[in-house]
Amino acid sequence: MKRLIFATHNHYKIQEIQTAIGDELKIITLQEVGIFIDIPEPHPTLEENASEKTRTIYELTKKNCFGEDSGLEVHALNGAPGVLSARYAGNQKIPEDNIRKLLKEMNGMADRAARFRTVISLWWQGQEYQFEGICEGTIISLPCGAGGFGYDPVFMPSGSKLTFAQMDLAKKNIFSHRRKAADQLVLFLQRCIDPEGDI
Protein backbone atom coordinates (compact mmCIF):
# COMPACT_ATOMS: atom_id res chain seq x y z
CA MET A 1 0.00 0.00 0.00
CA LYS A 2 1.25 3.49 -0.88
CA ARG A 3 2.07 5.78 2.06
CA LEU A 4 1.99 9.58 2.28
CA ILE A 5 2.56 12.00 5.16
CA PHE A 6 -0.46 14.12 6.14
CA ALA A 7 0.53 17.50 7.60
CA THR A 8 -1.99 17.73 10.44
CA HIS A 9 -2.36 16.91 14.13
CA ASN A 10 -6.17 16.86 13.89
CA HIS A 11 -7.19 13.24 14.44
CA TYR A 12 -10.71 13.94 13.13
CA LYS A 13 -9.29 15.08 9.79
CA ILE A 14 -6.95 12.08 9.68
CA GLN A 15 -9.88 9.73 10.25
CA GLU A 16 -12.06 11.46 7.65
CA ILE A 17 -9.38 11.52 4.96
CA GLN A 18 -8.34 7.90 5.58
CA THR A 19 -11.99 6.81 5.43
CA ALA A 20 -12.52 8.84 2.26
CA ILE A 21 -9.57 7.35 0.37
CA GLY A 22 -10.05 3.81 1.69
CA ASP A 23 -7.22 1.41 0.91
CA GLU A 24 -5.92 3.46 -2.01
CA LEU A 25 -3.40 5.19 0.23
CA LYS A 26 -2.07 4.81 3.76
CA ILE A 27 -1.84 8.09 5.66
CA ILE A 28 1.26 8.57 7.79
CA THR A 29 0.64 10.92 10.69
CA LEU A 30 3.05 13.58 11.91
CA GLN A 31 3.39 11.71 15.19
CA GLU A 32 4.56 8.63 13.31
CA VAL A 33 7.44 10.60 11.78
CA GLY A 34 8.29 12.33 15.05
CA ILE A 35 6.94 15.81 14.27
CA PHE A 36 5.02 17.55 17.04
CA ILE A 37 5.24 21.22 16.10
CA ASP A 38 2.11 23.36 15.73
CA ILE A 39 2.08 24.33 12.05
CA PRO A 40 1.14 28.00 11.58
CA GLU A 41 -1.90 29.19 9.62
CA PRO A 42 -0.98 32.85 9.14
CA HIS A 43 -2.45 33.53 5.71
CA PRO A 44 -5.75 35.08 4.54
CA THR A 45 -6.73 32.20 2.21
CA LEU A 46 -7.23 28.46 2.54
CA GLU A 47 -4.93 27.94 -0.43
CA GLU A 48 -2.02 29.75 1.23
CA ASN A 49 -2.52 28.04 4.59
CA ALA A 50 -2.62 24.60 2.97
CA SER A 51 0.61 25.44 1.15
CA GLU A 52 2.22 26.61 4.38
CA LYS A 53 1.51 23.28 6.06
CA THR A 54 2.84 21.24 3.16
CA ARG A 55 6.01 23.30 2.74
CA THR A 56 6.71 23.15 6.48
CA ILE A 57 6.54 19.36 6.58
CA TYR A 58 8.47 18.91 3.34
CA GLU A 59 11.30 21.08 4.66
CA LEU A 60 11.45 18.91 7.78
CA THR A 61 11.19 15.51 6.10
CA LYS A 62 12.22 15.98 2.45
CA LYS A 63 9.42 13.55 1.60
CA ASN A 64 6.32 13.89 -0.52
CA CYS A 65 3.44 15.01 1.69
CA PHE A 66 0.10 16.77 1.71
CA GLY A 67 -1.76 19.19 3.94
CA GLU A 68 -5.15 20.81 3.88
CA ASP A 69 -7.06 23.79 5.17
CA SER A 70 -10.82 23.92 5.45
CA GLY A 71 -13.30 26.61 6.32
CA LEU A 72 -16.98 27.31 6.73
CA GLU A 73 -18.10 30.15 4.46
CA VAL A 74 -21.46 31.71 5.32
CA HIS A 75 -23.10 33.75 2.58
CA ALA A 76 -24.86 36.26 4.86
CA LEU A 77 -21.59 36.88 6.74
CA ASN A 78 -19.67 37.67 3.54
CA GLY A 79 -17.79 34.36 3.66
CA ALA A 80 -16.97 34.42 7.37
CA PRO A 81 -15.68 32.64 9.37
CA GLY A 82 -13.62 31.29 6.44
CA VAL A 83 -9.95 30.87 7.27
CA LEU A 84 -10.73 31.83 10.87
CA SER A 85 -13.20 28.95 11.29
CA ALA A 86 -11.22 27.15 14.00
CA ARG A 87 -10.46 30.41 15.84
CA TYR A 88 -13.71 32.26 15.23
CA ALA A 89 -14.40 32.80 18.93
CA GLY A 90 -10.73 33.02 19.96
CA ASN A 91 -7.37 31.32 19.76
CA GLN A 92 -8.47 28.67 22.26
CA LYS A 93 -10.19 26.93 19.30
CA ILE A 94 -13.22 25.67 21.24
CA PRO A 95 -15.84 24.38 18.76
CA GLU A 96 -18.79 25.04 21.05
CA ASP A 97 -17.75 28.68 21.45
CA ASN A 98 -17.37 29.04 17.69
CA ILE A 99 -20.87 27.65 17.13
CA ARG A 100 -22.39 29.94 19.76
CA LYS A 101 -20.77 32.97 18.13
CA LEU A 102 -21.90 31.91 14.66
CA LEU A 103 -25.52 31.36 15.72
CA LYS A 104 -25.58 34.65 17.62
CA GLU A 105 -24.37 36.56 14.58
CA MET A 106 -26.91 34.80 12.36
CA ASN A 107 -29.82 35.30 14.73
CA GLY A 108 -32.88 36.44 12.77
CA MET A 109 -31.20 36.07 9.37
CA ALA A 110 -33.36 34.53 6.65
CA ASP A 111 -30.38 33.68 4.46
CA ARG A 112 -28.85 30.55 6.02
CA ALA A 113 -26.82 29.44 2.99
CA ALA A 114 -23.28 28.27 3.71
CA ARG A 115 -20.64 26.00 2.33
CA PHE A 116 -17.69 24.02 3.61
CA ARG A 117 -14.59 24.32 1.45
CA THR A 118 -11.39 22.27 1.61
CA VAL A 119 -8.13 22.91 -0.21
CA ILE A 120 -5.56 20.11 -0.26
CA SER A 121 -1.97 20.99 -1.06
CA LEU A 122 0.20 18.12 -2.28
CA TRP A 123 3.98 18.38 -2.46
CA TRP A 124 4.97 15.87 -5.10
CA GLN A 125 8.40 15.41 -6.70
CA GLY A 126 9.44 19.00 -6.00
CA GLN A 127 6.21 20.65 -7.16
CA GLU A 128 2.97 21.70 -5.48
CA TYR A 129 -0.50 20.68 -6.67
CA GLN A 130 -3.80 21.80 -5.16
CA PHE A 131 -7.24 20.19 -5.09
CA GLU A 132 -10.51 21.80 -3.94
CA GLY A 133 -13.68 20.29 -2.54
CA ILE A 134 -16.92 22.15 -1.77
CA CYS A 135 -20.08 21.11 0.05
CA GLU A 136 -23.07 23.47 -0.16
CA GLY A 137 -25.61 23.56 2.64
CA THR A 138 -27.38 25.61 5.28
CA ILE A 139 -26.83 26.64 8.89
CA ILE A 140 -29.62 25.45 11.17
CA SER A 141 -30.70 27.48 14.19
CA LEU A 142 -29.85 24.95 16.93
CA PRO A 143 -27.06 22.33 17.14
CA CYS A 144 -28.22 18.82 16.33
CA GLY A 145 -26.22 15.60 16.58
CA ALA A 146 -23.29 14.38 18.64
CA GLY A 147 -20.87 13.21 15.96
CA GLY A 148 -18.32 14.93 13.79
CA PHE A 149 -16.39 17.99 14.89
CA GLY A 150 -16.24 21.75 14.43
CA TYR A 151 -19.44 23.20 12.96
CA ASP A 152 -20.90 19.81 12.03
CA PRO A 153 -23.84 20.09 14.52
CA VAL A 154 -25.21 23.19 12.75
CA PHE A 155 -24.38 22.39 9.11
CA MET A 156 -26.92 20.54 6.99
CA PRO A 157 -25.61 19.66 3.51
CA SER A 158 -27.86 20.24 0.52
CA GLY A 159 -29.86 17.13 -0.29
CA SER A 160 -29.94 15.89 3.31
CA LYS A 161 -32.26 16.30 6.27
CA LEU A 162 -29.44 15.48 8.69
CA THR A 163 -26.56 17.60 9.94
CA PHE A 164 -23.02 16.33 9.52
CA ALA A 165 -23.04 15.61 13.27
CA GLN A 166 -25.96 13.20 12.82
CA MET A 167 -24.12 11.14 10.20
CA ASP A 168 -21.55 8.39 10.46
CA LEU A 169 -18.41 8.83 8.36
CA ALA A 170 -19.72 6.73 5.49
CA LYS A 171 -22.83 8.91 5.19
CA LYS A 172 -20.89 12.14 5.68
CA ASN A 173 -18.47 11.20 2.92
CA ILE A 174 -21.33 11.13 0.42
CA PHE A 175 -21.49 14.92 0.78
CA SER A 176 -18.14 15.86 2.29
CA HIS A 177 -16.00 18.68 0.93
CA ARG A 178 -12.96 16.88 2.32
CA ARG A 179 -13.93 13.69 0.46
CA LYS A 180 -14.30 15.59 -2.81
CA ALA A 181 -10.81 17.07 -2.48
CA ALA A 182 -9.38 13.70 -1.38
CA ASP A 183 -10.88 11.99 -4.43
CA GLN A 184 -8.98 14.39 -6.67
CA LEU A 185 -5.78 13.74 -4.71
CA VAL A 186 -6.13 9.98 -5.11
CA LEU A 187 -6.91 10.29 -8.82
CA PHE A 188 -3.80 12.40 -9.33
CA LEU A 189 -1.61 9.91 -7.48
CA GLN A 190 -3.08 6.98 -9.40
CA ARG A 191 -1.98 8.65 -12.61
CA CYS A 192 1.51 9.42 -11.31
CA ILE A 193 2.58 6.35 -9.36
CA ASP A 194 3.93 3.13 -10.77
CA PRO A 195 1.68 0.41 -9.28
CA GLU A 196 4.81 -1.51 -8.27
CA GLY A 197 6.67 1.58 -7.08
CA ASP A 198 6.68 3.55 -3.87
CA ILE A 199 5.88 7.13 -2.95
C-alpha atoms as a PDB file:
ATOM      1  CA  MET A   1       0.000   0.000   0.000  1.00  0.00           C
ATOM      2  CA  LYS A   2       1.249   3.492  -0.880  1.00  0.00           C
ATOM      3  CA  ARG A   3       2.065   5.778   2.056  1.00  0.00           C
ATOM      4  CA  LEU A   4       1.989   9.577   2.276  1.00  0.00           C
ATOM      5  CA  ILE A   5       2.555  11.998   5.160  1.00  0.00           C
ATOM      6  CA  PHE A   6      -0.456  14.119   6.139  1.00  0.00           C
ATOM      7  CA  ALA A   7       0.531  17.499   7.601  1.00  0.00           C
ATOM      8  CA  THR A   8      -1.990  17.731  10.437  1.00  0.00           C
ATOM      9  CA  HIS A   9      -2.359  16.909  14.128  1.00  0.00           C
ATOM     10  CA  ASN A  10      -6.167  16.859  13.889  1.00  0.00           C
ATOM     11  CA  HIS A  11      -7.189  13.242  14.435  1.00  0.00           C
ATOM     12  CA  TYR A  12     -10.708  13.937  13.131  1.00  0.00           C
ATOM     13  CA  LYS A  13      -9.289  15.077   9.794  1.00  0.00           C
ATOM     14  CA  ILE A  14      -6.948  12.076   9.682  1.00  0.00           C
ATOM     15  CA  GLN A  15      -9.876   9.731  10.250  1.00  0.00           C
ATOM     16  CA  GLU A  16     -12.057  11.458   7.652  1.00  0.00           C
ATOM     17  CA  ILE A  17      -9.379  11.517   4.959  1.00  0.00           C
ATOM     18  CA  GLN A  18      -8.344   7.899   5.582  1.00  0.00           C
ATOM     19  CA  THR A  19     -11.988   6.807   5.430  1.00  0.00           C
ATOM     20  CA  ALA A  20     -12.520   8.844   2.262  1.00  0.00           C
ATOM     21  CA  ILE A  21      -9.572   7.350   0.375  1.00  0.00           C
ATOM     22  CA  GLY A  22     -10.053   3.810   1.688  1.00  0.00           C
ATOM     23  CA  ASP A  23      -7.222   1.408   0.912  1.00  0.00           C
ATOM     24  CA  GLU A  24      -5.921   3.459  -2.008  1.00  0.00           C
ATOM     25  CA  LEU A  25      -3.396   5.193   0.228  1.00  0.00           C
ATOM     26  CA  LYS A  26      -2.068   4.810   3.764  1.00  0.00           C
ATOM     27  CA  ILE A  27      -1.836   8.088   5.659  1.00  0.00           C
ATOM     28  CA  ILE A  28       1.260   8.569   7.790  1.00  0.00           C
ATOM     29  CA  THR A  29       0.643  10.918  10.695  1.00  0.00           C
ATOM     30  CA  LEU A  30       3.055  13.580  11.907  1.00  0.00           C
ATOM     31  CA  GLN A  31       3.394  11.714  15.188  1.00  0.00           C
ATOM     32  CA  GLU A  32       4.562   8.631  13.306  1.00  0.00           C
ATOM     33  CA  VAL A  33       7.436  10.602  11.777  1.00  0.00           C
ATOM     34  CA  GLY A  34       8.285  12.331  15.054  1.00  0.00           C
ATOM     35  CA  ILE A  35       6.935  15.807  14.269  1.00  0.00           C
ATOM     36  CA  PHE A  36       5.019  17.550  17.043  1.00  0.00           C
ATOM     37  CA  ILE A  37       5.240  21.225  16.102  1.00  0.00           C
ATOM     38  CA  ASP A  38       2.111  23.356  15.731  1.00  0.00           C
ATOM     39  CA  ILE A  39       2.079  24.328  12.051  1.00  0.00           C
ATOM     40  CA  PRO A  40       1.141  28.004  11.583  1.00  0.00           C
ATOM     41  CA  GLU A  41      -1.899  29.185   9.620  1.00  0.00           C
ATOM     42  CA  PRO A  42      -0.979  32.852   9.140  1.00  0.00           C
ATOM     43  CA  HIS A  43      -2.445  33.535   5.706  1.00  0.00           C
ATOM     44  CA  PRO A  44      -5.746  35.076   4.537  1.00  0.00           C
ATOM     45  CA  THR A  45      -6.734  32.199   2.213  1.00  0.00           C
ATOM     46  CA  LEU A  46      -7.232  28.459   2.539  1.00  0.00           C
ATOM     47  CA  GLU A  47      -4.926  27.939  -0.433  1.00  0.00           C
ATOM     48  CA  GLU A  48      -2.022  29.749   1.226  1.00  0.00           C
ATOM     49  CA  ASN A  49      -2.516  28.041   4.586  1.00  0.00           C
ATOM     50  CA  ALA A  50      -2.622  24.600   2.968  1.00  0.00           C
ATOM     51  CA  SER A  51       0.607  25.442   1.150  1.00  0.00           C
ATOM     52  CA  GLU A  52       2.221  26.612   4.376  1.00  0.00           C
ATOM     53  CA  LYS A  53       1.512  23.283   6.061  1.00  0.00           C
ATOM     54  CA  THR A  54       2.839  21.238   3.165  1.00  0.00           C
ATOM     55  CA  ARG A  55       6.006  23.300   2.740  1.00  0.00           C
ATOM     56  CA  THR A  56       6.714  23.150   6.475  1.00  0.00           C
ATOM     57  CA  ILE A  57       6.542  19.361   6.579  1.00  0.00           C
ATOM     58  CA  TYR A  58       8.468  18.905   3.343  1.00  0.00           C
ATOM     59  CA  GLU A  59      11.296  21.080   4.660  1.00  0.00           C
ATOM     60  CA  LEU A  60      11.452  18.914   7.784  1.00  0.00           C
ATOM     61  CA  THR A  61      11.186  15.506   6.096  1.00  0.00           C
ATOM     62  CA  LYS A  62      12.217  15.981   2.448  1.00  0.00           C
ATOM     63  CA  LYS A  63       9.422  13.551   1.603  1.00  0.00           C
ATOM     64  CA  ASN A  64       6.317  13.892  -0.519  1.00  0.00           C
ATOM     65  CA  CYS A  65       3.441  15.006   1.690  1.00  0.00           C
ATOM     66  CA  PHE A  66       0.104  16.767   1.713  1.00  0.00           C
ATOM     67  CA  GLY A  67      -1.759  19.194   3.936  1.00  0.00           C
ATOM     68  CA  GLU A  68      -5.151  20.811   3.875  1.00  0.00           C
ATOM     69  CA  ASP A  69      -7.063  23.786   5.169  1.00  0.00           C
ATOM     70  CA  SER A  70     -10.820  23.919   5.454  1.00  0.00           C
ATOM     71  CA  GLY A  71     -13.296  26.611   6.320  1.00  0.00           C
ATOM     72  CA  LEU A  72     -16.982  27.309   6.727  1.00  0.00           C
ATOM     73  CA  GLU A  73     -18.095  30.147   4.457  1.00  0.00           C
ATOM     74  CA  VAL A  74     -21.460  31.710   5.323  1.00  0.00           C
ATOM     75  CA  HIS A  75     -23.105  33.749   2.577  1.00  0.00           C
ATOM     76  CA  ALA A  76     -24.859  36.260   4.856  1.00  0.00           C
ATOM     77  CA  LEU A  77     -21.592  36.879   6.735  1.00  0.00           C
ATOM     78  CA  ASN A  78     -19.668  37.667   3.540  1.00  0.00           C
ATOM     79  CA  GLY A  79     -17.792  34.365   3.664  1.00  0.00           C
ATOM     80  CA  ALA A  80     -16.966  34.417   7.371  1.00  0.00           C
ATOM     81  CA  PRO A  81     -15.681  32.645   9.366  1.00  0.00           C
ATOM     82  CA  GLY A  82     -13.625  31.291   6.437  1.00  0.00           C
ATOM     83  CA  VAL A  83      -9.946  30.871   7.268  1.00  0.00           C
ATOM     84  CA  LEU A  84     -10.734  31.826  10.867  1.00  0.00           C
ATOM     85  CA  SER A  85     -13.199  28.951  11.291  1.00  0.00           C
ATOM     86  CA  ALA A  86     -11.219  27.148  14.001  1.00  0.00           C
ATOM     87  CA  ARG A  87     -10.456  30.406  15.842  1.00  0.00           C
ATOM     88  CA  TYR A  88     -13.713  32.257  15.229  1.00  0.00           C
ATOM     89  CA  ALA A  89     -14.400  32.801  18.927  1.00  0.00           C
ATOM     90  CA  GLY A  90     -10.727  33.020  19.957  1.00  0.00           C
ATOM     91  CA  ASN A  91      -7.372  31.320  19.759  1.00  0.00           C
ATOM     92  CA  GLN A  92      -8.466  28.669  22.257  1.00  0.00           C
ATOM     93  CA  LYS A  93     -10.194  26.925  19.300  1.00  0.00           C
ATOM     94  CA  ILE A  94     -13.220  25.667  21.243  1.00  0.00           C
ATOM     95  CA  PRO A  95     -15.841  24.382  18.758  1.00  0.00           C
ATOM     96  CA  GLU A  96     -18.794  25.041  21.054  1.00  0.00           C
ATOM     97  CA  ASP A  97     -17.747  28.681  21.450  1.00  0.00           C
ATOM     98  CA  ASN A  98     -17.372  29.036  17.689  1.00  0.00           C
ATOM     99  CA  ILE A  99     -20.868  27.647  17.132  1.00  0.00           C
ATOM    100  CA  ARG A 100     -22.387  29.943  19.760  1.00  0.00           C
ATOM    101  CA  LYS A 101     -20.767  32.973  18.131  1.00  0.00           C
ATOM    102  CA  LEU A 102     -21.903  31.906  14.662  1.00  0.00           C
ATOM    103  CA  LEU A 103     -25.522  31.356  15.722  1.00  0.00           C
ATOM    104  CA  LYS A 104     -25.584  34.649  17.620  1.00  0.00           C
ATOM    105  CA  GLU A 105     -24.367  36.559  14.580  1.00  0.00           C
ATOM    106  CA  MET A 106     -26.911  34.802  12.358  1.00  0.00           C
ATOM    107  CA  ASN A 107     -29.825  35.299  14.734  1.00  0.00           C
ATOM    108  CA  GLY A 108     -32.877  36.436  12.769  1.00  0.00           C
ATOM    109  CA  MET A 109     -31.204  36.067   9.372  1.00  0.00           C
ATOM    110  CA  ALA A 110     -33.358  34.533   6.655  1.00  0.00           C
ATOM    111  CA  ASP A 111     -30.379  33.679   4.458  1.00  0.00           C
ATOM    112  CA  ARG A 112     -28.846  30.549   6.022  1.00  0.00           C
ATOM    113  CA  ALA A 113     -26.817  29.443   2.986  1.00  0.00           C
ATOM    114  CA  ALA A 114     -23.279  28.267   3.710  1.00  0.00           C
ATOM    115  CA  ARG A 115     -20.637  26.003   2.328  1.00  0.00           C
ATOM    116  CA  PHE A 116     -17.690  24.021   3.607  1.00  0.00           C
ATOM    117  CA  ARG A 117     -14.593  24.316   1.449  1.00  0.00           C
ATOM    118  CA  THR A 118     -11.387  22.272   1.611  1.00  0.00           C
ATOM    119  CA  VAL A 119      -8.133  22.911  -0.208  1.00  0.00           C
ATOM    120  CA  ILE A 120      -5.560  20.106  -0.263  1.00  0.00           C
ATOM    121  CA  SER A 121      -1.969  20.985  -1.056  1.00  0.00           C
ATOM    122  CA  LEU A 122       0.196  18.118  -2.283  1.00  0.00           C
ATOM    123  CA  TRP A 123       3.983  18.382  -2.459  1.00  0.00           C
ATOM    124  CA  TRP A 124       4.972  15.873  -5.104  1.00  0.00           C
ATOM    125  CA  GLN A 125       8.396  15.414  -6.701  1.00  0.00           C
ATOM    126  CA  GLY A 126       9.437  19.000  -6.005  1.00  0.00           C
ATOM    127  CA  GLN A 127       6.210  20.645  -7.160  1.00  0.00           C
ATOM    128  CA  GLU A 128       2.970  21.704  -5.479  1.00  0.00           C
ATOM    129  CA  TYR A 129      -0.498  20.685  -6.670  1.00  0.00           C
ATOM    130  CA  GLN A 130      -3.803  21.805  -5.158  1.00  0.00           C
ATOM    131  CA  PHE A 131      -7.243  20.185  -5.089  1.00  0.00           C
ATOM    132  CA  GLU A 132     -10.512  21.799  -3.942  1.00  0.00           C
ATOM    133  CA  GLY A 133     -13.684  20.293  -2.537  1.00  0.00           C
ATOM    134  CA  ILE A 134     -16.918  22.154  -1.772  1.00  0.00           C
ATOM    135  CA  CYS A 135     -20.082  21.107   0.054  1.00  0.00           C
ATOM    136  CA  GLU A 136     -23.066  23.469  -0.161  1.00  0.00           C
ATOM    137  CA  GLY A 137     -25.614  23.559   2.640  1.00  0.00           C
ATOM    138  CA  THR A 138     -27.382  25.606   5.284  1.00  0.00           C
ATOM    139  CA  ILE A 139     -26.833  26.636   8.890  1.00  0.00           C
ATOM    140  CA  ILE A 140     -29.622  25.453  11.173  1.00  0.00           C
ATOM    141  CA  SER A 141     -30.705  27.485  14.194  1.00  0.00           C
ATOM    142  CA  LEU A 142     -29.853  24.954  16.928  1.00  0.00           C
ATOM    143  CA  PRO A 143     -27.060  22.335  17.144  1.00  0.00           C
ATOM    144  CA  CYS A 144     -28.225  18.817  16.329  1.00  0.00           C
ATOM    145  CA  GLY A 145     -26.219  15.598  16.581  1.00  0.00           C
ATOM    146  CA  ALA A 146     -23.288  14.379  18.642  1.00  0.00           C
ATOM    147  CA  GLY A 147     -20.870  13.210  15.962  1.00  0.00           C
ATOM    148  CA  GLY A 148     -18.317  14.933  13.787  1.00  0.00           C
ATOM    149  CA  PHE A 149     -16.392  17.989  14.887  1.00  0.00           C
ATOM    150  CA  GLY A 150     -16.243  21.751  14.433  1.00  0.00           C
ATOM    151  CA  TYR A 151     -19.438  23.202  12.960  1.00  0.00           C
ATOM    152  CA  ASP A 152     -20.898  19.808  12.034  1.00  0.00           C
ATOM    153  CA  PRO A 153     -23.837  20.090  14.517  1.00  0.00           C
ATOM    154  CA  VAL A 154     -25.209  23.188  12.748  1.00  0.00           C
ATOM    155  CA  PHE A 155     -24.375  22.394   9.112  1.00  0.00           C
ATOM    156  CA  MET A 156     -26.918  20.539   6.987  1.00  0.00           C
ATOM    157  CA  PRO A 157     -25.611  19.662   3.509  1.00  0.00           C
ATOM    158  CA  SER A 158     -27.855  20.242   0.518  1.00  0.00           C
ATOM    159  CA  GLY A 159     -29.863  17.135  -0.293  1.00  0.00           C
ATOM    160  CA  SER A 160     -29.938  15.889   3.305  1.00  0.00           C
ATOM    161  CA  LYS A 161     -32.263  16.299   6.275  1.00  0.00           C
ATOM    162  CA  LEU A 162     -29.443  15.480   8.694  1.00  0.00           C
ATOM    163  CA  THR A 163     -26.563  17.602   9.935  1.00  0.00           C
ATOM    164  CA  PHE A 164     -23.018  16.332   9.522  1.00  0.00           C
ATOM    165  CA  ALA A 165     -23.040  15.612  13.271  1.00  0.00           C
ATOM    166  CA  GLN A 166     -25.961  13.204  12.816  1.00  0.00           C
ATOM    167  CA  MET A 167     -24.116  11.137  10.200  1.00  0.00           C
ATOM    168  CA  ASP A 168     -21.548   8.395  10.463  1.00  0.00           C
ATOM    169  CA  LEU A 169     -18.409   8.832   8.359  1.00  0.00           C
ATOM    170  CA  ALA A 170     -19.722   6.726   5.490  1.00  0.00           C
ATOM    171  CA  LYS A 171     -22.829   8.907   5.191  1.00  0.00           C
ATOM    172  CA  LYS A 172     -20.891  12.138   5.680  1.00  0.00           C
ATOM    173  CA  ASN A 173     -18.470  11.200   2.920  1.00  0.00           C
ATOM    174  CA  ILE A 174     -21.327  11.126   0.415  1.00  0.00           C
ATOM    175  CA  PHE A 175     -21.487  14.916   0.783  1.00  0.00           C
ATOM    176  CA  SER A 176     -18.136  15.863   2.294  1.00  0.00           C
ATOM    177  CA  HIS A 177     -15.997  18.685   0.933  1.00  0.00           C
ATOM    178  CA  ARG A 178     -12.955  16.876   2.324  1.00  0.00           C
ATOM    179  CA  ARG A 179     -13.933  13.687   0.463  1.00  0.00           C
ATOM    180  CA  LYS A 180     -14.297  15.587  -2.806  1.00  0.00           C
ATOM    181  CA  ALA A 181     -10.815  17.069  -2.485  1.00  0.00           C
ATOM    182  CA  ALA A 182      -9.384  13.704  -1.378  1.00  0.00           C
ATOM    183  CA  ASP A 183     -10.883  11.992  -4.431  1.00  0.00           C
ATOM    184  CA  GLN A 184      -8.984  14.394  -6.667  1.00  0.00           C
ATOM    185  CA  LEU A 185      -5.779  13.744  -4.706  1.00  0.00           C
ATOM    186  CA  VAL A 186      -6.132   9.981  -5.110  1.00  0.00           C
ATOM    187  CA  LEU A 187      -6.912  10.287  -8.825  1.00  0.00           C
ATOM    188  CA  PHE A 188      -3.796  12.404  -9.333  1.00  0.00           C
ATOM    189  CA  LEU A 189      -1.606   9.911  -7.484  1.00  0.00           C
ATOM    190  CA  GLN A 190      -3.076   6.980  -9.402  1.00  0.00           C
ATOM    191  CA  ARG A 191      -1.977   8.655 -12.615  1.00  0.00           C
ATOM    192  CA  CYS A 192       1.511   9.420 -11.314  1.00  0.00           C
ATOM    193  CA  ILE A 193       2.582   6.345  -9.363  1.00  0.00           C
ATOM    194  CA  ASP A 194       3.925   3.127 -10.773  1.00  0.00           C
ATOM    195  CA  PRO A 195       1.676   0.408  -9.284  1.00  0.00           C
ATOM    196  CA  GLU A 196       4.809  -1.506  -8.269  1.00  0.00           C
ATOM    197  CA  GLY A 197       6.673   1.581  -7.081  1.00  0.00           C
ATOM    198  CA  ASP A 198       6.680   3.548  -3.869  1.00  0.00           C
ATOM    199  CA  ILE A 199       5.879   7.135  -2.947  1.00  0.00           C
END
